[in-house]
């Protein structure tokens, strides 16, 4: 993800997660709130993409 886009997404997530109603709803859905920097967010995102990629390949999932 481009650094400017990453910073924009991170800022939006931080701003929305500071709203009590949003935070409560996300927790109700099973999200675990954690702070961090845009670089930490990018690393997390890369890890999640790699995990999903591995699951798709292992399961032989296709777009058909």
PDB file of N, CA and C in Angstrom:
ATOM      1  N   UNK A   1       0.855  -1.169   0.000  1.00  0.00           N
ATOM      2  CA  UNK A   1       0.000   0.000   0.000  1.00  0.00           C
ATOM      3  C   UNK A   1       0.900   1.230   0.000  1.00  0.00           C
ATOM      4  N   UNK A   2       0.537   2.199  -0.786  1.00  0.00           N
ATOM      5  CA  UNK A   2       1.313   3.437  -0.872  1.00  0.00           C
ATOM      6  C   UNK A   2       1.321   4.141   0.491  1.00  0.00           C
ATOM      7  N   UNK A   3       2.445   4.724   0.887  1.00  0.00           N
ATOM      8  CA  UNK A   3       2.537   5.366   2.200  1.00  0.00           C
ATOM      9  C   UNK A   3       1.454   6.410   2.470  1.00  0.00           C
ATOM     10  N   UNK A   4       1.115   7.215   1.476  1.00  0.00           N
ATOM     11  CA  UNK A   4       0.090   8.241   1.682  1.00  0.00           C
ATOM     12  C   UNK A   4      -1.276   7.601   1.919  1.00  0.00           C
ATOM     13  N   UNK A   5      -1.582   6.552   1.174  1.00  0.00           N
ATOM     14  CA  UNK A   5      -2.850   5.848   1.356  1.00  0.00           C
ATOM     15  C   UNK A   5      -2.878   5.150   2.714  1.00  0.00           C
ATOM     16  N   UNK A   6      -1.766   4.547   3.090  1.00  0.00           N
ATOM     17  CA  UNK A   6      -1.661   3.891   4.386  1.00  0.00           C
ATOM     18  C   UNK A   6      -1.910   4.883   5.519  1.00  0.00           C
ATOM     19  N   UNK A   7      -1.310   6.046   5.446  1.00  0.00           N
ATOM     20  CA  UNK A   7      -1.493   7.072   6.477  1.00  0.00           C
ATOM     21  C   UNK A   7      -2.949   7.517   6.533  1.00  0.00           C
ATOM     22  N   UNK A   8      -3.588   7.665   5.378  1.00  0.00           N
ATOM     23  CA  UNK A   8      -4.981   8.085   5.310  1.00  0.00           C
ATOM     24  C   UNK A   8      -5.904   7.039   5.929  1.00  0.00           C
ATOM     25  N   UNK A   9      -5.697   5.759   5.571  1.00  0.00           N
ATOM     26  CA  UNK A   9      -6.513   4.675   6.124  1.00  0.00           C
ATOM     27  C   UNK A   9      -6.308   4.591   7.630  1.00  0.00           C
ATOM     28  N   UNK A  10      -5.059   4.662   8.064  1.00  0.00           N
ATOM     29  CA  UNK A  10      -4.752   4.588   9.493  1.00  0.00           C
ATOM     30  C   UNK A  10      -5.432   5.718  10.255  1.00  0.00           C
ATOM     31  N   UNK A  11      -5.346   6.933   9.729  1.00  0.00           N
ATOM     32  CA  UNK A  11      -5.967   8.086  10.395  1.00  0.00           C
ATOM     33  C   UNK A  11      -7.479   7.907  10.490  1.00  0.00           C
ATOM     34  N   UNK A  12      -8.097   7.378   9.456  1.00  0.00           N
ATOM     35  CA  UNK A  12      -9.534   7.142   9.475  1.00  0.00           C
ATOM     36  C   UNK A  12      -9.938   6.092  10.489  1.00  0.00           C
ATOM     37  N   UNK A  13      -9.153   5.037  10.573  1.00  0.00           N
ATOM     38  CA  UNK A  13      -9.440   3.977  11.546  1.00  0.00           C
ATOM     39  C   UNK A  13      -9.286   4.508  12.963  1.00  0.00           C
ATOM     40  N   UNK A  14      -8.228   5.242  13.206  1.00  0.00           N
ATOM     41  CA  UNK A  14      -8.000   5.805  14.543  1.00  0.00           C
ATOM     42  C   UNK A  14      -9.133   6.751  14.915  1.00  0.00           C
ATOM     43  N   UNK A  15      -9.501   7.643  14.006  1.00  0.00           N
ATOM     44  CA  UNK A  15     -10.558   8.621  14.296  1.00  0.00           C
ATOM     45  C   UNK A  15     -11.885   7.931  14.589  1.00  0.00           C
ATOM     46  N   UNK A  16     -12.235   6.934  13.798  1.00  0.00           N
ATOM     47  CA  UNK A  16     -13.516   6.267  14.017  1.00  0.00           C
ATOM     48  C   UNK A  16     -13.490   5.394  15.263  1.00  0.00           C
ATOM     49  N   UNK A  17     -12.351   4.800  15.565  1.00  0.00           N
ATOM     50  CA  UNK A  17     -12.284   3.917  16.732  1.00  0.00           C
ATOM     51  C   UNK A  17     -12.324   4.693  18.042  1.00  0.00           C
ATOM     52  N   UNK A  18     -12.082   5.998  17.997  1.00  0.00           N
ATOM     53  CA  UNK A  18     -12.149   6.804  19.207  1.00  0.00           C
ATOM     54  C   UNK A  18     -13.586   7.148  19.587  1.00  0.00           C
ATOM     55  N   UNK A  19     -14.510   6.892  18.693  1.00  0.00           N
ATOM     56  CA  UNK A  19     -15.918   7.125  18.990  1.00  0.00           C
ATOM     57  C   UNK A  19     -16.438   5.932  19.796  1.00  0.00           C
ATOM     58  N   UNK A  20     -16.993   6.199  20.964  1.00  0.00           N
ATOM     59  CA  UNK A  20     -17.412   5.140  21.880  1.00  0.00           C
ATOM     60  C   UNK A  20     -18.406   4.174  21.234  1.00  0.00           C
ATOM     61  N   UNK A  21     -19.342   4.690  20.466  1.00  0.00           N
ATOM     62  CA  UNK A  21     -20.338   3.834  19.821  1.00  0.00           C
ATOM     63  C   UNK A  21     -19.673   2.872  18.833  1.00  0.00           C
ATOM     64  N   UNK A  22     -18.742   3.383  18.059  1.00  0.00           N
ATOM     65  CA  UNK A  22     -18.028   2.553  17.096  1.00  0.00           C
ATOM     66  C   UNK A  22     -17.190   1.511  17.821  1.00  0.00           C
ATOM     67  N   UNK A  23     -16.485   1.928  18.857  1.00  0.00           N
ATOM     68  CA  UNK A  23     -15.646   1.008  19.612  1.00  0.00           C
ATOM     69  C   UNK A  23     -16.483  -0.118  20.219  1.00  0.00           C
ATOM     70  N   UNK A  24     -17.625   0.214  20.789  1.00  0.00           N
ATOM     71  CA  UNK A  24     -18.493  -0.796  21.396  1.00  0.00           C
ATOM     72  C   UNK A  24     -19.003  -1.768  20.341  1.00  0.00           C
ATOM     73  N   UNK A  25     -19.390  -1.261  19.193  1.00  0.00           N
ATOM     74  CA  UNK A  25     -19.906  -2.123  18.121  1.00  0.00           C
ATOM     75  C   UNK A  25     -18.828  -3.066  17.605  1.00  0.00           C
ATOM     76  N   UNK A  26     -17.630  -2.553  17.398  1.00  0.00           N
ATOM     77  CA  UNK A  26     -16.539  -3.394  16.929  1.00  0.00           C
ATOM     78  C   UNK A  26     -16.200  -4.483  17.939  1.00  0.00           C
ATOM     79  N   UNK A  27     -16.212  -4.147  19.215  1.00  0.00           N
ATOM     80  CA  UNK A  27     -15.956  -5.144  20.252  1.00  0.00           C
ATOM     81  C   UNK A  27     -17.063  -6.191  20.277  1.00  0.00           C
ATOM     82  N   UNK A  28     -18.314  -5.768  20.069  1.00  0.00           N
ATOM     83  CA  UNK A  28     -19.419  -6.714  19.989  1.00  0.00           C
ATOM     84  C   UNK A  28     -19.243  -7.695  18.830  1.00  0.00           C
ATOM     85  N   UNK A  29     -18.606  -7.235  17.770  1.00  0.00           N
ATOM     86  CA  UNK A  29     -18.358  -8.078  16.597  1.00  0.00           C
ATOM     87  C   UNK A  29     -17.112  -8.945  16.745  1.00  0.00           C
ATOM     88  N   UNK A  30     -16.399  -8.781  17.864  1.00  0.00           N
ATOM     89  CA  UNK A  30     -15.229  -9.620  18.118  1.00  0.00           C
ATOM     90  C   UNK A  30     -13.892  -8.986  17.792  1.00  0.00           C
ATOM     91  N   UNK A  31     -13.902  -7.719  17.414  1.00  0.00           N
ATOM     92  CA  UNK A  31     -12.641  -7.045  17.130  1.00  0.00           C
ATOM     93  C   UNK A  31     -11.901  -6.749  18.427  1.00  0.00           C
ATOM     94  N   UNK A  32     -10.595  -6.806  18.378  1.00  0.00           N
ATOM     95  CA  UNK A  32      -9.762  -6.407  19.501  1.00  0.00           C
ATOM     96  C   UNK A  32      -9.072  -5.118  19.119  1.00  0.00           C
ATOM     97  N   UNK A  33      -9.368  -4.069  19.846  1.00  0.00           N
ATOM     98  CA  UNK A  33      -8.805  -2.764  19.521  1.00  0.00           C
ATOM     99  C   UNK A  33      -7.355  -2.702  19.990  1.00  0.00           C
ATOM    100  N   UNK A  34      -6.501  -2.186  19.127  1.00  0.00           N
ATOM    101  CA  UNK A  34      -5.090  -2.032  19.462  1.00  0.00           C
ATOM    102  C   UNK A  34      -4.566  -0.780  18.768  1.00  0.00           C
ATOM    103  N   UNK A  35      -3.742  -0.053  19.439  1.00  0.00           N
ATOM    104  CA  UNK A  35      -3.146   1.132  18.839  1.00  0.00           C
ATOM    105  C   UNK A  35      -1.884   0.767  18.083  1.00  0.00           C
ATOM    106  N   UNK A  36      -1.341   1.722  17.414  1.00  0.00           N
ATOM    107  CA  UNK A  36      -0.101   1.471  16.696  1.00  0.00           C
ATOM    108  C   UNK A  36       0.162   2.560  15.677  1.00  0.00           C
ATOM    109  N   UNK A  37       1.288   2.433  15.055  1.00  0.00           N
ATOM    110  CA  UNK A  37       1.704   3.383  14.036  1.00  0.00           C
ATOM    111  C   UNK A  37       1.248   2.903  12.660  1.00  0.00           C
ATOM    112  N   UNK A  38       1.291   3.780  11.655  1.00  0.00           N
ATOM    113  CA  UNK A  38       0.978   3.328  10.300  1.00  0.00           C
ATOM    114  C   UNK A  38       1.887   2.180   9.846  1.00  0.00           C
ATOM    115  N   UNK A  39       3.136   2.200  10.241  1.00  0.00           N
ATOM    116  CA  UNK A  39       4.055   1.116   9.859  1.00  0.00           C
ATOM    117  C   UNK A  39       3.641  -0.209  10.499  1.00  0.00           C
ATOM    118  N   UNK A  40       3.199  -0.163  11.748  1.00  0.00           N
ATOM    119  CA  UNK A  40       2.729  -1.375  12.419  1.00  0.00           C
ATOM    120  C   UNK A  40       1.445  -1.882  11.769  1.00  0.00           C
ATOM    121  N   UNK A  41       0.576  -0.965  11.372  1.00  0.00           N
ATOM    122  CA  UNK A  41      -0.644  -1.335  10.663  1.00  0.00           C
ATOM    123  C   UNK A  41      -0.304  -2.010   9.341  1.00  0.00           C
ATOM    124  N   UNK A  42       0.656  -1.470   8.610  1.00  0.00           N
ATOM    125  CA  UNK A  42       1.071  -2.054   7.332  1.00  0.00           C
ATOM    126  C   UNK A  42       1.640  -3.454   7.532  1.00  0.00           C
ATOM    127  N   UNK A  43       2.431  -3.643   8.571  1.00  0.00           N
ATOM    128  CA  UNK A  43       2.996  -4.964   8.863  1.00  0.00           C
ATOM    129  C   UNK A  43       1.886  -5.953   9.201  1.00  0.00           C
ATOM    130  N   UNK A  44       0.914  -5.521   9.998  1.00  0.00           N
ATOM    131  CA  UNK A  44      -0.222  -6.378  10.336  1.00  0.00           C
ATOM    132  C   UNK A  44      -0.984  -6.751   9.078  1.00  0.00           C
ATOM    133  N   UNK A  45      -1.228  -5.753   8.238  1.00  0.00           N
ATOM    134  CA  UNK A  45      -1.970  -5.974   6.998  1.00  0.00           C
ATOM    135  C   UNK A  45      -1.243  -6.977   6.098  1.00  0.00           C
ATOM    136  N   UNK A  46       0.074  -6.827   5.967  1.00  0.00           N
ATOM    137  CA  UNK A  46       0.847  -7.768   5.154  1.00  0.00           C
ATOM    138  C   UNK A  46       0.734  -9.187   5.714  1.00  0.00           C
ATOM    139  N   UNK A  47       0.798  -9.316   7.027  1.00  0.00           N
ATOM    140  CA  UNK A  47       0.672 -10.628   7.657  1.00  0.00           C
ATOM    141  C   UNK A  47      -0.677 -11.261   7.382  1.00  0.00           C
ATOM    142  N   UNK A  48      -1.742 -10.470   7.472  1.00  0.00           N
ATOM    143  CA  UNK A  48      -3.084 -10.984   7.213  1.00  0.00           C
ATOM    144  C   UNK A  48      -3.240 -11.404   5.750  1.00  0.00           C
ATOM    145  N   UNK A  49      -2.696 -10.604   4.840  1.00  0.00           N
ATOM    146  CA  UNK A  49      -2.766 -10.947   3.414  1.00  0.00           C
ATOM    147  C   UNK A  49      -2.014 -12.243   3.151  1.00  0.00           C
ATOM    148  N   UNK A  50      -0.836 -12.394   3.747  1.00  0.00           N
ATOM    149  CA  UNK A  50      -0.068 -13.625   3.559  1.00  0.00           C
ATOM    150  C   UNK A  50      -0.796 -14.831   4.133  1.00  0.00           C
ATOM    151  N   UNK A  51      -1.438 -14.668   5.276  1.00  0.00           N
ATOM    152  CA  UNK A  51      -2.200 -15.753   5.885  1.00  0.00           C
ATOM    153  C   UNK A  51      -3.355 -16.162   4.976  1.00  0.00           C
ATOM    154  N   UNK A  52      -4.095 -15.182   4.482  1.00  0.00           N
ATOM    155  CA  UNK A  52      -5.214 -15.486   3.583  1.00  0.00           C
ATOM    156  C   UNK A  52      -4.719 -16.134   2.297  1.00  0.00           C
ATOM    157  N   UNK A  53      -3.618 -15.666   1.776  1.00  0.00           N
ATOM    158  CA  UNK A  53      -3.044 -16.238   0.563  1.00  0.00           C
ATOM    159  C   UNK A  53      -2.723 -17.718   0.784  1.00  0.00           C
ATOM    160  N   UNK A  54      -2.132 -18.028   1.932  1.00  0.00           N
ATOM    161  CA  UNK A  54      -1.780 -19.405   2.249  1.00  0.00           C
ATOM    162  C   UNK A  54      -3.031 -20.280   2.371  1.00  0.00           C
ATOM    163  N   UNK A  55      -4.060 -19.772   3.012  1.00  0.00           N
ATOM    164  CA  UNK A  55      -5.307 -20.530   3.163  1.00  0.00           C
ATOM    165  C   UNK A  55      -5.924 -20.811   1.792  1.00  0.00           C
ATOM    166  N   UNK A  56      -5.974 -19.806   0.937  1.00  0.00           N
ATOM    167  CA  UNK A  56      -6.555 -19.959  -0.396  1.00  0.00           C
ATOM    168  C   UNK A  56      -5.767 -20.985  -1.202  1.00  0.00           C
ATOM    169  N   UNK A  57      -4.459 -20.905  -1.174  1.00  0.00           N
ATOM    170  CA  UNK A  57      -3.638 -21.860  -1.934  1.00  0.00           C
ATOM    171  C   UNK A  57      -3.770 -23.272  -1.392  1.00  0.00           C
ATOM    172  N   UNK A  58      -3.719 -23.416  -0.068  1.00  0.00           N
ATOM    173  CA  UNK A  58      -3.810 -24.739   0.546  1.00  0.00           C
ATOM    174  C   UNK A  58      -5.158 -25.385   0.252  1.00  0.00           C
ATOM    175  N   UNK A  59      -6.220 -24.617   0.303  1.00  0.00           N
ATOM    176  CA  UNK A  59      -7.556 -25.139   0.083  1.00  0.00           C
ATOM    177  C   UNK A  59      -7.897 -25.260  -1.411  1.00  0.00           C
ATOM    178  N   UNK A  60      -7.050 -24.715  -2.260  1.00  0.00           N
ATOM    179  CA  UNK A  60      -7.297 -24.767  -3.693  1.00  0.00           C
ATOM    180  C   UNK A  60      -8.481 -23.912  -4.126  1.00  0.00           C
ATOM    181  N   UNK A  61      -8.716 -22.846  -3.423  1.00  0.00           N
ATOM    182  CA  UNK A  61      -9.850 -21.958  -3.719  1.00  0.00           C
ATOM    183  C   UNK A  61      -9.537 -21.163  -4.998  1.00  0.00           C
ATOM    184  N   UNK A  62     -10.529 -21.087  -5.876  1.00  0.00           N
ATOM    185  CA  UNK A  62     -10.376 -20.314  -7.106  1.00  0.00           C
ATOM    186  C   UNK A  62     -11.521 -19.308  -7.215  1.00  0.00           C
ATOM    187  N   UNK A  63     -11.416 -18.395  -8.153  1.00  0.00           N
ATOM    188  CA  UNK A  63     -12.421 -17.349  -8.325  1.00  0.00           C
ATOM    189  C   UNK A  63     -13.596 -17.811  -9.178  1.00  0.00           C
ATOM    190  N   UNK A  64     -13.619 -19.056  -9.547  1.00  0.00           N
ATOM    191  CA  UNK A  64     -14.712 -19.552 -10.411  1.00  0.00           C
ATOM    192  C   UNK A  64     -16.040 -19.479  -9.737  1.00  0.00           C
TER     193      UNK A  64
END
